[in-house]
N, C-alpha and C. Protein backbone atom coordinates (compact mmCIF):
# COMPACT_ATOMS: atom_id res chain seq x y z
N MET A 1 -0.49 5.81 24.71
CA MET A 1 0.62 6.45 24.32
C MET A 1 1.64 5.26 23.93
N ILE A 2 1.61 4.20 24.61
CA ILE A 2 2.57 3.12 24.26
C ILE A 2 2.38 2.57 22.94
N MET A 3 1.01 2.65 22.41
CA MET A 3 0.75 2.29 21.07
C MET A 3 1.61 3.09 19.98
N ALA A 4 1.44 4.38 20.34
CA ALA A 4 2.16 5.46 19.53
C ALA A 4 3.63 5.10 19.44
N ALA A 5 4.14 4.75 20.63
CA ALA A 5 5.70 4.45 20.66
C ALA A 5 5.96 3.32 19.89
N THR A 6 5.02 2.25 19.81
CA THR A 6 5.43 0.99 19.01
C THR A 6 5.18 1.51 17.52
N ILE A 7 4.33 2.19 17.25
CA ILE A 7 4.33 2.60 15.78
C ILE A 7 5.57 3.33 15.27
N PHE A 8 5.97 4.34 16.12
CA PHE A 8 7.20 5.11 15.80
C PHE A 8 8.49 4.20 15.82
N LEU A 9 8.53 3.18 16.85
CA LEU A 9 9.69 2.24 16.79
C LEU A 9 9.61 1.53 15.54
N GLY A 10 8.48 1.09 15.11
CA GLY A 10 8.26 0.30 13.81
C GLY A 10 8.86 0.96 12.68
N MET A 11 8.31 2.27 12.63
CA MET A 11 8.59 3.08 11.43
C MET A 11 10.22 3.29 11.37
N THR A 12 10.83 3.59 12.53
CA THR A 12 12.32 3.73 12.58
C THR A 12 13.08 2.39 12.23
N GLY A 13 12.56 1.24 12.70
CA GLY A 13 13.12 0.12 12.40
C GLY A 13 13.00 -0.26 10.90
N MET A 14 11.88 -0.11 10.38
CA MET A 14 11.76 -0.36 8.72
C MET A 14 12.60 0.73 8.14
N ALA A 15 12.71 2.04 8.56
CA ALA A 15 13.44 2.92 7.78
C ALA A 15 14.98 2.38 7.78
N SER A 16 15.41 1.94 9.05
CA SER A 16 16.83 1.58 9.22
C SER A 16 17.21 0.38 8.35
N LEU A 17 16.15 -0.62 8.31
CA LEU A 17 16.39 -1.88 7.47
C LEU A 17 16.40 -1.38 6.05
N SER A 18 15.50 -0.43 5.71
CA SER A 18 15.58 -0.16 4.10
C SER A 18 16.81 0.81 3.80
N MET A 19 17.43 1.53 4.91
CA MET A 19 18.51 2.08 4.44
C MET A 19 19.97 1.17 4.39
N ALA A 20 19.67 -0.13 4.92
CA ALA A 20 20.69 -1.01 4.80
C ALA A 20 20.70 -1.83 3.50
N MET A 21 19.86 -1.51 2.59
CA MET A 21 19.85 -2.03 1.32
C MET A 21 20.42 -1.07 0.27
N GLU A 22 21.46 -1.76 -0.46
CA GLU A 22 22.18 -0.92 -1.52
C GLU A 22 21.46 -0.03 -2.38
N LYS A 23 20.39 -0.48 -2.92
CA LYS A 23 19.59 0.38 -3.88
C LYS A 23 18.97 1.58 -3.06
N HIS A 24 18.41 1.35 -1.88
CA HIS A 24 17.78 2.44 -1.17
C HIS A 24 18.88 3.29 -0.52
N HIS A 25 19.89 2.71 -0.09
CA HIS A 25 20.98 3.56 0.36
C HIS A 25 21.67 4.52 -0.69
N GLU A 26 21.56 4.16 -1.91
CA GLU A 26 22.12 5.09 -3.04
C GLU A 26 20.99 6.00 -3.29
N GLN A 27 19.70 5.69 -3.17
CA GLN A 27 18.62 6.69 -3.37
C GLN A 27 18.62 7.86 -2.21
N ILE A 28 18.97 7.42 -1.09
CA ILE A 28 18.92 8.33 0.03
C ILE A 28 20.14 9.14 0.05
N TRP A 29 21.30 8.65 0.07
CA TRP A 29 22.59 9.16 0.32
C TRP A 29 23.23 9.64 -0.97
N GLY A 30 22.91 9.30 -2.11
CA GLY A 30 23.60 9.76 -3.27
C GLY A 30 24.62 8.73 -3.75
N ASN A 31 25.83 9.29 -3.93
CA ASN A 31 26.93 8.40 -4.50
C ASN A 31 27.59 7.60 -3.51
N THR A 32 27.39 7.92 -2.22
CA THR A 32 28.21 7.15 -1.19
C THR A 32 27.87 5.67 -1.21
N ARG A 33 28.94 5.06 -1.04
CA ARG A 33 28.86 3.47 -1.11
C ARG A 33 28.39 2.96 0.24
N LEU A 34 27.78 1.87 0.27
CA LEU A 34 27.34 1.27 1.47
C LEU A 34 28.34 0.22 1.90
N THR A 35 28.99 0.51 3.00
CA THR A 35 30.04 -0.41 3.42
C THR A 35 29.38 -1.58 4.20
N VAL A 36 30.13 -2.77 4.36
CA VAL A 36 29.49 -3.78 5.06
C VAL A 36 29.31 -3.44 6.49
N GLN A 37 30.28 -2.82 7.15
CA GLN A 37 29.96 -2.46 8.53
C GLN A 37 28.75 -1.57 8.68
N ARG A 38 28.49 -0.71 7.86
CA ARG A 38 27.42 0.28 8.00
C ARG A 38 26.08 -0.57 7.65
N ALA A 39 26.08 -1.47 6.76
CA ALA A 39 24.90 -2.25 6.43
C ALA A 39 24.71 -3.16 7.73
N TRP A 40 25.61 -3.74 8.35
CA TRP A 40 25.29 -4.70 9.43
C TRP A 40 24.77 -3.76 10.68
N ALA A 41 25.60 -2.47 10.69
CA ALA A 41 24.90 -1.63 11.89
C ALA A 41 23.39 -1.24 11.70
N MET A 42 23.17 -0.90 10.35
CA MET A 42 21.62 -0.61 10.27
C MET A 42 20.73 -1.71 10.24
N ARG A 43 21.23 -2.82 9.78
CA ARG A 43 20.21 -3.98 10.09
C ARG A 43 20.09 -4.38 11.39
N ALA A 44 21.24 -4.22 12.38
CA ALA A 44 21.10 -4.53 13.73
C ALA A 44 20.26 -3.58 14.39
N ALA A 45 20.55 -2.27 14.08
CA ALA A 45 19.58 -1.08 14.76
C ALA A 45 18.14 -1.38 14.38
N GLY A 46 17.79 -1.72 13.01
CA GLY A 46 16.47 -1.96 12.66
C GLY A 46 15.74 -3.14 13.30
N TRP A 47 16.39 -4.15 13.37
CA TRP A 47 15.80 -5.26 14.20
C TRP A 47 15.65 -5.07 15.58
N LEU A 48 16.59 -4.25 16.23
CA LEU A 48 16.49 -4.09 17.70
C LEU A 48 15.31 -3.16 17.84
N MET A 49 15.20 -2.17 17.00
CA MET A 49 13.94 -1.27 16.95
C MET A 49 12.49 -2.20 16.89
N LEU A 50 12.58 -3.01 15.84
CA LEU A 50 11.34 -3.91 15.90
C LEU A 50 11.06 -4.83 16.98
N LEU A 51 12.22 -5.35 17.48
CA LEU A 51 11.97 -6.11 18.80
C LEU A 51 11.75 -5.38 19.90
N ALA A 52 12.11 -4.06 20.12
CA ALA A 52 11.73 -3.33 21.17
C ALA A 52 10.17 -2.89 20.96
N ALA A 53 9.78 -2.46 19.79
CA ALA A 53 8.23 -2.42 19.42
C ALA A 53 7.48 -3.51 19.87
N ALA A 54 7.98 -4.74 19.54
CA ALA A 54 7.21 -5.91 19.87
C ALA A 54 7.17 -6.14 21.37
N ALA A 55 8.37 -5.91 22.08
CA ALA A 55 8.28 -6.01 23.45
C ALA A 55 7.26 -5.15 24.19
N LEU A 56 7.21 -3.85 23.68
CA LEU A 56 6.31 -2.87 24.14
C LEU A 56 4.85 -3.34 23.88
N ALA A 57 4.57 -3.91 22.77
CA ALA A 57 3.22 -4.20 22.45
C ALA A 57 2.77 -5.41 23.31
N VAL A 58 3.68 -6.37 23.37
CA VAL A 58 3.42 -7.68 24.40
C VAL A 58 3.21 -7.10 25.76
N ARG A 59 4.01 -6.31 26.22
CA ARG A 59 4.01 -5.85 27.71
C ARG A 59 2.63 -5.13 27.98
N MET A 60 2.23 -4.33 26.98
CA MET A 60 0.94 -3.58 27.09
C MET A 60 -0.27 -4.43 26.85
N GLN A 61 -0.44 -5.24 25.92
CA GLN A 61 -1.56 -5.99 25.53
C GLN A 61 -1.63 -7.42 25.76
N GLY A 62 -0.52 -8.08 26.06
CA GLY A 62 -0.41 -9.45 26.28
C GLY A 62 0.11 -10.11 25.10
N ALA A 63 0.52 -11.38 25.19
CA ALA A 63 1.15 -11.99 24.01
C ALA A 63 0.41 -12.01 22.80
N THR A 64 -0.96 -12.51 22.84
CA THR A 64 -1.59 -12.64 21.50
C THR A 64 -2.13 -11.37 20.95
N MET A 65 -2.76 -10.54 21.80
CA MET A 65 -3.08 -9.23 21.09
C MET A 65 -1.85 -8.39 20.77
N GLY A 66 -0.84 -8.46 21.61
CA GLY A 66 0.37 -7.60 21.55
C GLY A 66 1.07 -7.86 20.20
N LEU A 67 1.28 -9.18 19.95
CA LEU A 67 1.84 -9.54 18.73
C LEU A 67 0.99 -9.22 17.44
N THR A 68 -0.24 -9.41 17.63
CA THR A 68 -1.10 -9.12 16.55
C THR A 68 -1.18 -7.61 16.17
N LEU A 69 -1.14 -6.75 17.17
CA LEU A 69 -1.03 -5.40 17.08
C LEU A 69 0.33 -5.02 16.52
N TRP A 70 1.33 -5.56 17.00
CA TRP A 70 2.80 -5.33 16.41
C TRP A 70 2.95 -5.66 14.87
N VAL A 71 2.20 -6.75 14.57
CA VAL A 71 2.29 -7.07 13.05
C VAL A 71 1.47 -6.06 12.21
N MET A 72 0.45 -5.63 12.76
CA MET A 72 -0.43 -4.55 11.86
C MET A 72 0.27 -3.28 11.90
N GLU A 73 1.01 -2.93 13.03
CA GLU A 73 1.78 -1.72 13.13
C GLU A 73 3.06 -1.77 12.17
N VAL A 74 3.75 -2.80 12.16
CA VAL A 74 5.02 -3.00 11.32
C VAL A 74 4.41 -2.93 9.81
N SER A 75 3.32 -3.48 9.54
CA SER A 75 2.88 -3.53 8.23
C SER A 75 2.46 -2.13 7.65
N LEU A 76 1.87 -1.29 8.76
CA LEU A 76 1.62 0.21 8.35
C LEU A 76 2.95 0.97 8.18
N ALA A 77 3.88 0.63 9.17
CA ALA A 77 5.03 1.31 8.99
C ALA A 77 5.86 0.95 7.58
N SER A 78 5.84 -0.11 7.15
CA SER A 78 6.54 -0.57 5.93
C SER A 78 5.82 0.04 4.82
N VAL A 79 4.38 0.19 4.75
CA VAL A 79 3.89 1.00 3.75
C VAL A 79 4.32 2.34 3.74
N CYS A 80 4.37 2.96 4.79
CA CYS A 80 4.68 4.47 4.98
C CYS A 80 6.12 4.69 4.49
N VAL A 81 7.04 3.79 4.97
CA VAL A 81 8.48 3.89 4.47
C VAL A 81 8.39 3.58 3.03
N GLY A 82 7.80 2.73 2.49
CA GLY A 82 7.87 2.40 1.06
C GLY A 82 7.18 3.63 0.16
N LEU A 83 6.34 4.18 0.74
CA LEU A 83 5.92 5.47 0.00
C LEU A 83 6.70 6.57 0.16
N LEU A 84 7.30 6.79 1.26
CA LEU A 84 8.43 7.83 1.48
C LEU A 84 9.58 7.47 0.47
N LEU A 85 10.01 6.39 0.38
CA LEU A 85 11.12 5.86 -0.42
C LEU A 85 10.77 6.21 -2.04
N SER A 86 9.44 6.02 -2.17
CA SER A 86 9.07 6.40 -3.63
C SER A 86 9.13 7.84 -4.02
N TYR A 87 8.65 8.70 -3.08
CA TYR A 87 8.33 10.02 -3.35
C TYR A 87 9.33 11.08 -2.91
N ALA A 88 9.90 10.75 -1.69
CA ALA A 88 10.87 11.68 -0.99
C ALA A 88 11.99 10.82 -0.07
N PRO A 89 12.80 10.11 -1.03
CA PRO A 89 13.74 9.28 -0.34
C PRO A 89 14.82 9.83 0.53
N ARG A 90 15.05 11.33 0.32
CA ARG A 90 16.11 11.91 1.30
C ARG A 90 15.65 12.26 2.39
N SER A 91 14.29 12.33 2.67
CA SER A 91 13.76 12.71 4.04
C SER A 91 13.59 11.34 5.03
N LEU A 92 14.00 10.27 4.46
CA LEU A 92 13.88 9.02 5.21
C LEU A 92 14.79 9.06 6.59
N PRO A 93 15.98 9.50 6.52
CA PRO A 93 16.88 9.73 7.67
C PRO A 93 16.05 10.53 8.77
N TRP A 94 15.62 11.65 8.32
CA TRP A 94 14.72 12.59 9.27
C TRP A 94 13.68 11.81 9.85
N LEU A 95 12.90 10.92 9.03
CA LEU A 95 11.91 10.29 9.64
C LEU A 95 12.47 9.25 10.74
N ALA A 96 13.46 8.76 10.42
CA ALA A 96 14.07 7.77 11.47
C ALA A 96 14.41 8.45 12.77
N VAL A 97 15.10 9.67 12.61
CA VAL A 97 15.46 10.35 13.84
C VAL A 97 14.23 10.91 14.44
N GLY A 98 13.36 11.52 13.70
CA GLY A 98 12.03 11.89 14.33
C GLY A 98 11.23 10.91 15.20
N GLY A 99 11.09 9.63 14.35
CA GLY A 99 10.40 8.56 14.99
C GLY A 99 11.14 8.02 16.39
N LEU A 100 12.26 8.03 16.20
CA LEU A 100 12.98 7.67 17.60
C LEU A 100 12.73 8.51 18.67
N LEU A 101 12.74 9.86 18.35
CA LEU A 101 12.54 10.87 19.50
C LEU A 101 11.00 10.77 19.79
N ALA A 102 10.23 10.62 18.95
CA ALA A 102 8.69 10.46 19.22
C ALA A 102 8.47 9.32 20.05
N ALA A 103 9.07 8.15 19.84
CA ALA A 103 8.82 7.00 20.45
C ALA A 103 9.35 7.02 21.85
N TRP A 104 10.37 8.00 22.08
CA TRP A 104 11.00 8.06 23.35
C TRP A 104 10.09 9.07 24.25
N LEU A 105 9.46 9.95 23.53
CA LEU A 105 8.61 10.95 24.17
C LEU A 105 7.25 10.25 24.68
N ALA A 106 6.84 9.36 23.67
CA ALA A 106 5.47 8.78 23.79
C ALA A 106 5.54 7.63 24.96
N ALA A 107 6.72 7.07 25.06
CA ALA A 107 6.81 5.92 26.09
C ALA A 107 7.13 6.60 27.64
C-alpha cells in the first residue's frame, strides 16, 4: 500500500509542478493569470509532495531500492500528467485532489 501512496504523491506533485507553469496554467484554468505567489505556492507544494514520496519509498525499501523505485514512479507520474495535459487538461486539478486523498488512504 505504501507503494501506491508514493505513486499518488508523485502524480500529485507532478500535477502541481505543471500547474505552476504559465502555459499549462492557462490550459487548465482558462484566462486567469498565474500570479507569482500562486506559482511559488504550487511549486513548493509539488516539491513537497515529491519529497514526501521519496521519503516514503526510502523508508519502505531502503535508500538504494527506495530511490530507484521513486525515480521510476515519478517518471510514470510525469508521463500520466503529460498525457492528461494533452487530452483533458481541465481534469488535472481533480487528479491532484484525488491523488492526494488516495495517497492519504493508502498510507
